Structure formats: C-alpha cells, structure tokens
C-alpha cells in the first residue's frame, strides 16, 4: 500500500466517529445541497481540520528533503479524499438568497 493511502486509512480509522457523522451529512448534502449547506459547512470544518492535520503528518518529513515530492504526495492524498468524499470542496460555500425588487415603470 502506498504511503498516502496508508495515511488516509489511518486517518479514517483513528477518527471513525467523526467520519461516520460526516458521511451522513455528506450524503444528505449530495442529495439536497441548498437546505443542508449550513450543517455541511459546520461538520465539514471539523473534518477539514482532521484532514489537514494528516496531510501535514504525511508531508512534513518529505518537505525537508524533497519539496516537489511532498507536493505531489499531498495532491495524491487529496485525490484519495475526493474519491471518498466528492463534495469535500463545497465546504465553506456561502449561499445568500436575494430578492429582486420590481420596478414600476408607470
């Protein structure tokens, strides 16, 4: 197993409860994004924090010696995350609804 896949699996295993909860929210968001955006953002921030911590663990030692390799490793790690959670990049989207006022031309 490649290093980034190993770290991804360890991340999921060590944070199983958080990822199980996020899986439910992610699935609801995938089916109906607009009403679930706020909850998705809240739960997503927690998951992004975990993912970024593990990305840092994965790439930390590599950056000292092979910075280009560390960048590619991070990209592959995020590809693995996106395979599992395709809507992960939608965390933090702010949806503002607005109304247009009618102009009376009389």
Protein backbone atom coordinates (compact mmCIF):
# COMPACT_ATOMS: atom_id res chain seq x y z
CA UNK A 1 0.00 0.00 0.00
CA UNK A 2 1.31 3.44 -0.88
CA UNK A 3 2.15 5.89 1.87
CA UNK A 4 -0.67 8.34 1.13
CA UNK A 5 -3.27 5.54 1.10
CA UNK A 6 -1.89 4.20 4.36
CA UNK A 7 -2.19 7.64 5.97
CA UNK A 8 -5.69 8.04 4.59
CA UNK A 9 -6.76 4.71 6.09
CA UNK A 10 -5.16 5.52 9.44
CA UNK A 11 -6.87 8.94 9.46
CA UNK A 12 -10.27 7.32 8.89
CA UNK A 13 -9.67 4.60 11.47
CA UNK A 14 -8.45 6.95 14.19
CA UNK A 15 -11.34 9.38 13.65
CA UNK A 16 -14.05 6.86 12.83
CA UNK A 17 -16.87 8.61 14.73
CA UNK A 18 -16.20 11.99 13.12
CA UNK A 19 -16.01 10.49 9.63
CA UNK A 20 -19.16 8.40 10.17
CA UNK A 21 -21.07 11.53 11.17
CA UNK A 22 -19.61 13.45 8.23
CA UNK A 23 -20.53 10.61 5.83
CA UNK A 24 -24.20 11.06 6.81
CA UNK A 25 -24.05 14.83 6.39
CA UNK A 26 -22.13 14.46 3.11
CA UNK A 27 -24.75 12.09 1.70
CA UNK A 28 -27.59 14.43 2.70
CA UNK A 29 -25.75 17.36 1.13
CA UNK A 30 -25.14 15.42 -2.07
CA UNK A 31 -28.85 14.71 -2.44
CA UNK A 32 -30.09 18.17 -1.49
CA UNK A 33 -27.37 20.84 -1.25
CA UNK A 34 -29.25 24.09 -0.59
CA UNK A 35 -31.05 23.30 2.68
CA UNK A 36 -28.09 21.30 4.00
CA UNK A 37 -25.31 23.78 3.22
CA UNK A 38 -25.09 25.32 6.69
CA UNK A 39 -24.87 21.97 8.50
CA UNK A 40 -22.43 20.71 5.86
CA UNK A 41 -20.18 23.71 6.48
CA UNK A 42 -20.23 23.18 10.25
CA UNK A 43 -19.40 19.47 10.11
CA UNK A 44 -17.06 19.99 7.18
CA UNK A 45 -14.85 22.41 9.11
CA UNK A 46 -14.21 19.72 11.70
CA UNK A 47 -13.33 17.17 9.03
CA UNK A 48 -11.10 19.59 7.11
CA UNK A 49 -9.13 20.21 10.28
CA UNK A 50 -8.53 16.47 10.69
CA UNK A 51 -7.64 16.03 7.00
CA UNK A 52 -5.17 18.92 7.07
CA UNK A 53 -3.51 17.55 10.21
CA UNK A 54 -2.99 14.20 8.49
CA UNK A 55 -1.79 15.85 5.30
CA UNK A 56 0.75 17.70 7.39
CA UNK A 57 1.88 14.46 9.06
CA UNK A 58 2.24 12.83 5.68
CA UNK A 59 4.22 15.62 4.05
CA UNK A 60 6.15 17.03 7.00
CA UNK A 61 9.26 14.88 6.70
CA UNK A 62 9.28 14.97 2.91
CA UNK A 63 9.31 18.77 2.72
CA UNK A 64 12.66 18.89 4.48
CA UNK A 65 14.35 16.86 1.78
CA UNK A 66 12.17 16.62 -1.33
CA UNK A 67 9.74 19.52 -1.57
CA UNK A 68 8.48 18.57 -5.04
CA UNK A 69 7.75 15.04 -3.87
CA UNK A 70 5.86 16.38 -0.84
CA UNK A 71 3.61 18.48 -3.09
CA UNK A 72 2.78 15.51 -5.29
CA UNK A 73 2.18 13.38 -2.22
CA UNK A 74 -0.27 15.96 -0.89
CA UNK A 75 -2.10 16.02 -4.23
CA UNK A 76 -2.45 12.23 -4.22
CA UNK A 77 -3.67 12.30 -0.62
CA UNK A 78 -6.37 14.83 -1.56
CA UNK A 79 -7.33 12.76 -4.61
CA UNK A 80 -7.95 9.87 -2.22
CA UNK A 81 -10.08 12.14 -0.01
CA UNK A 82 -12.07 13.31 -3.04
CA UNK A 83 -12.70 9.72 -4.15
CA UNK A 84 -14.34 9.03 -0.81
CA UNK A 85 -16.00 12.45 -0.40
CA UNK A 86 -16.55 14.02 -3.85
CA UNK A 87 -18.27 17.12 -2.42
CA UNK A 88 -15.44 17.94 0.01
CA UNK A 89 -14.53 21.09 -1.94
CA UNK A 90 -18.01 22.51 -1.31
CA UNK A 91 -17.30 23.04 2.38
CA UNK A 92 -17.47 26.72 3.24
CA UNK A 93 -19.70 27.81 0.37
CA UNK A 94 -21.92 30.64 1.48
CA UNK A 95 -25.29 30.76 -0.22
CA UNK A 96 -27.02 34.09 0.02
CA UNK A 97 -30.52 34.36 -1.26
CA UNK A 98 -31.67 37.67 -2.56
CA UNK A 99 -34.86 39.13 -3.90
CA UNK A 100 -35.10 41.44 -6.85
CA UNK A 101 -37.36 44.41 -6.40
CA UNK A 102 -39.84 45.04 -9.16
CA UNK A 103 -39.56 48.37 -10.87
CA UNK A 104 -42.83 50.06 -11.62
CA UNK A 105 -42.50 51.87 -14.92
CA UNK A 106 -45.85 53.69 -14.75
